[in-house]
N, C-alpha and C. Protein backbone atom coordinates (compact mmCIF):
# COMPACT_ATOMS: atom_id res chain seq x y z
N MET A 1 170.15 140.93 117.94
CA MET A 1 170.42 140.28 119.19
C MET A 1 171.29 141.21 120.04
N LYS A 2 170.98 141.27 121.33
CA LYS A 2 171.75 142.09 122.27
C LYS A 2 172.37 141.18 123.33
N LYS A 3 173.60 141.51 123.70
CA LYS A 3 174.28 140.77 124.77
C LYS A 3 175.04 141.76 125.63
N SER A 4 175.27 141.35 126.87
CA SER A 4 176.01 142.17 127.82
C SER A 4 177.27 141.41 128.24
N TYR A 5 178.39 142.12 128.33
CA TYR A 5 179.67 141.52 128.69
C TYR A 5 180.31 142.30 129.82
N LYS A 6 180.89 141.57 130.77
CA LYS A 6 181.67 142.19 131.84
C LYS A 6 183.00 142.61 131.24
N ILE A 7 183.45 143.81 131.60
CA ILE A 7 184.73 144.29 131.10
C ILE A 7 185.62 144.73 132.26
N GLU A 8 186.89 144.90 131.96
CA GLU A 8 187.83 145.46 132.93
C GLU A 8 188.59 146.56 132.21
N VAL A 9 188.49 147.77 132.77
CA VAL A 9 189.15 148.93 132.17
C VAL A 9 189.46 149.92 133.29
N ASP A 10 190.57 150.66 133.13
CA ASP A 10 191.07 151.49 134.24
C ASP A 10 190.44 152.87 134.39
N CYS A 11 190.00 153.48 133.28
CA CYS A 11 189.49 154.84 133.41
C CYS A 11 188.35 155.09 132.41
N ALA A 12 187.61 156.15 132.64
CA ALA A 12 186.47 156.48 131.79
C ALA A 12 186.92 156.80 130.36
N ASN A 13 188.06 157.45 130.21
CA ASN A 13 188.57 157.77 128.88
C ASN A 13 188.88 156.49 128.10
N CYS A 14 189.47 155.52 128.78
CA CYS A 14 189.78 154.23 128.15
C CYS A 14 188.49 153.50 127.78
N ALA A 15 187.49 153.61 128.62
CA ALA A 15 186.19 152.98 128.33
C ALA A 15 185.59 153.61 127.08
N ALA A 16 185.74 154.91 126.92
CA ALA A 16 185.23 155.59 125.73
C ALA A 16 185.96 155.11 124.48
N LYS A 17 187.27 154.90 124.60
CA LYS A 17 188.06 154.37 123.47
C LYS A 17 187.58 152.96 123.10
N MET A 18 187.29 152.16 124.12
CA MET A 18 186.79 150.80 123.88
C MET A 18 185.45 150.85 123.14
N GLU A 19 184.57 151.74 123.58
CA GLU A 19 183.26 151.87 122.95
C GLU A 19 183.41 152.26 121.48
N GLU A 20 184.30 153.21 121.22
CA GLU A 20 184.54 153.66 119.85
C GLU A 20 185.07 152.51 118.99
N ALA A 21 186.04 151.76 119.52
CA ALA A 21 186.62 150.63 118.78
C ALA A 21 185.56 149.55 118.51
N ALA A 22 184.72 149.28 119.49
CA ALA A 22 183.68 148.26 119.33
C ALA A 22 182.68 148.69 118.26
N ASN A 23 182.32 149.96 118.25
CA ASN A 23 181.35 150.45 117.28
C ASN A 23 181.89 150.45 115.85
N ARG A 24 183.21 150.46 115.69
CA ARG A 24 183.82 150.40 114.35
C ARG A 24 183.96 148.96 113.85
N THR A 25 183.65 147.98 114.68
CA THR A 25 183.84 146.57 114.31
C THR A 25 182.68 146.09 113.46
N PRO A 26 182.97 145.47 112.30
CA PRO A 26 181.90 144.91 111.46
C PRO A 26 181.08 143.88 112.24
N GLY A 27 179.76 143.95 112.08
CA GLY A 27 178.86 143.03 112.79
C GLY A 27 178.23 143.65 114.03
N VAL A 28 178.79 144.78 114.48
CA VAL A 28 178.25 145.47 115.66
C VAL A 28 177.32 146.57 115.17
N LYS A 29 176.06 146.49 115.60
CA LYS A 29 175.10 147.55 115.27
C LYS A 29 175.31 148.72 116.22
N GLU A 30 175.44 148.41 117.51
CA GLU A 30 175.69 149.45 118.51
C GLU A 30 176.35 148.83 119.73
N ALA A 31 177.36 149.48 120.24
CA ALA A 31 178.02 149.06 121.49
C ALA A 31 178.03 150.24 122.45
N VAL A 32 177.69 149.97 123.69
CA VAL A 32 177.68 151.00 124.73
C VAL A 32 178.46 150.47 125.93
N VAL A 33 179.47 151.22 126.36
CA VAL A 33 180.27 150.84 127.51
C VAL A 33 179.84 151.68 128.70
N ASN A 34 179.58 151.00 129.82
CA ASN A 34 179.25 151.68 131.07
C ASN A 34 180.45 151.50 132.00
N PHE A 35 181.25 152.56 132.16
CA PHE A 35 182.46 152.47 132.97
C PHE A 35 182.13 152.19 134.43
N MET A 36 181.10 152.81 134.95
CA MET A 36 180.76 152.64 136.37
C MET A 36 180.37 151.19 136.69
N LEU A 37 179.65 150.54 135.78
CA LEU A 37 179.23 149.15 136.00
C LEU A 37 180.22 148.14 135.42
N LEU A 38 181.22 148.63 134.68
CA LEU A 38 182.18 147.76 133.99
C LEU A 38 181.46 146.73 133.12
N LYS A 39 180.59 147.26 132.26
CA LYS A 39 179.83 146.42 131.33
C LYS A 39 179.86 147.01 129.93
N MET A 40 179.77 146.12 128.96
CA MET A 40 179.64 146.53 127.57
C MET A 40 178.38 145.84 127.04
N ASN A 41 177.43 146.65 126.58
CA ASN A 41 176.23 146.12 125.97
C ASN A 41 176.39 146.24 124.46
N VAL A 42 176.18 145.12 123.77
CA VAL A 42 176.41 145.08 122.34
C VAL A 42 175.15 144.58 121.63
N GLU A 43 174.73 145.35 120.62
CA GLU A 43 173.66 144.91 119.74
C GLU A 43 174.33 144.53 118.41
N PHE A 44 174.05 143.30 117.97
CA PHE A 44 174.69 142.78 116.77
C PHE A 44 173.82 143.00 115.54
N GLU A 45 174.48 143.13 114.38
CA GLU A 45 173.77 143.20 113.10
C GLU A 45 173.04 141.88 112.88
N ASP A 46 171.94 141.93 112.12
CA ASP A 46 171.21 140.71 111.79
C ASP A 46 172.13 139.72 111.09
N GLY A 47 172.10 138.48 111.53
CA GLY A 47 172.89 137.43 110.90
C GLY A 47 174.34 137.35 111.37
N ALA A 48 174.76 138.26 112.23
CA ALA A 48 176.14 138.25 112.72
C ALA A 48 176.34 137.12 113.73
N ASN A 49 177.53 136.55 113.75
CA ASN A 49 177.89 135.52 114.72
C ASN A 49 178.51 136.23 115.93
N PRO A 50 177.77 136.30 117.06
CA PRO A 50 178.27 137.06 118.22
C PRO A 50 179.66 136.65 118.69
N LYS A 51 179.97 135.35 118.70
CA LYS A 51 181.29 134.92 119.18
C LYS A 51 182.41 135.44 118.27
N ALA A 52 182.21 135.33 116.97
CA ALA A 52 183.22 135.80 116.01
C ALA A 52 183.35 137.32 116.08
N VAL A 53 182.22 138.01 116.16
CA VAL A 53 182.24 139.48 116.21
C VAL A 53 182.94 139.94 117.49
N MET A 54 182.64 139.31 118.62
CA MET A 54 183.26 139.73 119.88
C MET A 54 184.75 139.45 119.93
N ALA A 55 185.20 138.42 119.23
CA ALA A 55 186.64 138.17 119.14
C ALA A 55 187.31 139.34 118.43
N GLU A 56 186.67 139.87 117.39
CA GLU A 56 187.19 141.04 116.67
C GLU A 56 187.10 142.30 117.52
N VAL A 57 185.99 142.43 118.26
CA VAL A 57 185.83 143.59 119.16
C VAL A 57 186.98 143.61 120.17
N LEU A 58 187.28 142.46 120.75
CA LEU A 58 188.36 142.39 121.73
C LEU A 58 189.69 142.78 121.10
N LYS A 59 189.97 142.28 119.89
CA LYS A 59 191.21 142.63 119.18
C LYS A 59 191.28 144.14 118.96
N ASN A 60 190.17 144.73 118.50
CA ASN A 60 190.14 146.17 118.23
C ASN A 60 190.30 146.98 119.50
N CYS A 61 189.70 146.53 120.58
CA CYS A 61 189.82 147.24 121.86
C CYS A 61 191.25 147.17 122.38
N LYS A 62 191.90 146.03 122.21
CA LYS A 62 193.29 145.87 122.67
C LYS A 62 194.23 146.80 121.90
N LYS A 63 193.87 147.15 120.66
CA LYS A 63 194.71 148.07 119.88
C LYS A 63 194.71 149.46 120.48
N VAL A 64 193.56 149.89 121.03
CA VAL A 64 193.47 151.25 121.58
C VAL A 64 193.74 151.29 123.09
N GLU A 65 193.55 150.17 123.77
CA GLU A 65 193.75 150.11 125.22
C GLU A 65 194.22 148.69 125.57
N GLU A 66 195.55 148.48 125.51
CA GLU A 66 196.05 147.12 125.56
C GLU A 66 195.81 146.37 126.87
N ASP A 67 195.60 147.08 127.99
CA ASP A 67 195.34 146.34 129.22
C ASP A 67 193.86 146.27 129.59
N CYS A 68 192.98 146.46 128.61
CA CYS A 68 191.56 146.27 128.86
C CYS A 68 191.22 144.77 128.71
N GLU A 69 190.05 144.39 129.19
CA GLU A 69 189.62 143.00 129.05
C GLU A 69 188.13 142.97 128.84
N ILE A 70 187.68 142.02 128.01
CA ILE A 70 186.25 141.75 127.83
C ILE A 70 186.08 140.27 128.13
N TYR A 71 185.23 139.95 129.07
CA TYR A 71 184.99 138.55 129.45
C TYR A 71 183.90 138.00 128.56
N LEU A 72 184.30 137.12 127.64
CA LEU A 72 183.41 136.66 126.58
C LEU A 72 182.56 135.45 126.94
N LYS A 73 182.50 135.05 128.20
CA LYS A 73 181.67 133.90 128.59
C LYS A 73 180.22 134.25 128.61
C-alpha cells in the first residue's frame, strides 16, 4: 500500500534526514521525501498498519529534525 503525506520541513538537507529516518522505520518498504512539494510518499510492507507505522516514522523524524512535521490525516 502506498500513501502520500503533507510535510513541513525547513531545508532540503533536513528533508533528506527525514527520508533516511523514515526508511529505517520497521513497516516502511520505501519512503521518498519531495522537499519542493513538501510531500512524503510512503510504501508500506505487506500487512503493516499504516497509522501505527506513521506514528513511528514521525517519532524517528523528530529525533533527527525536531521541528519537522508530518500531517497524518
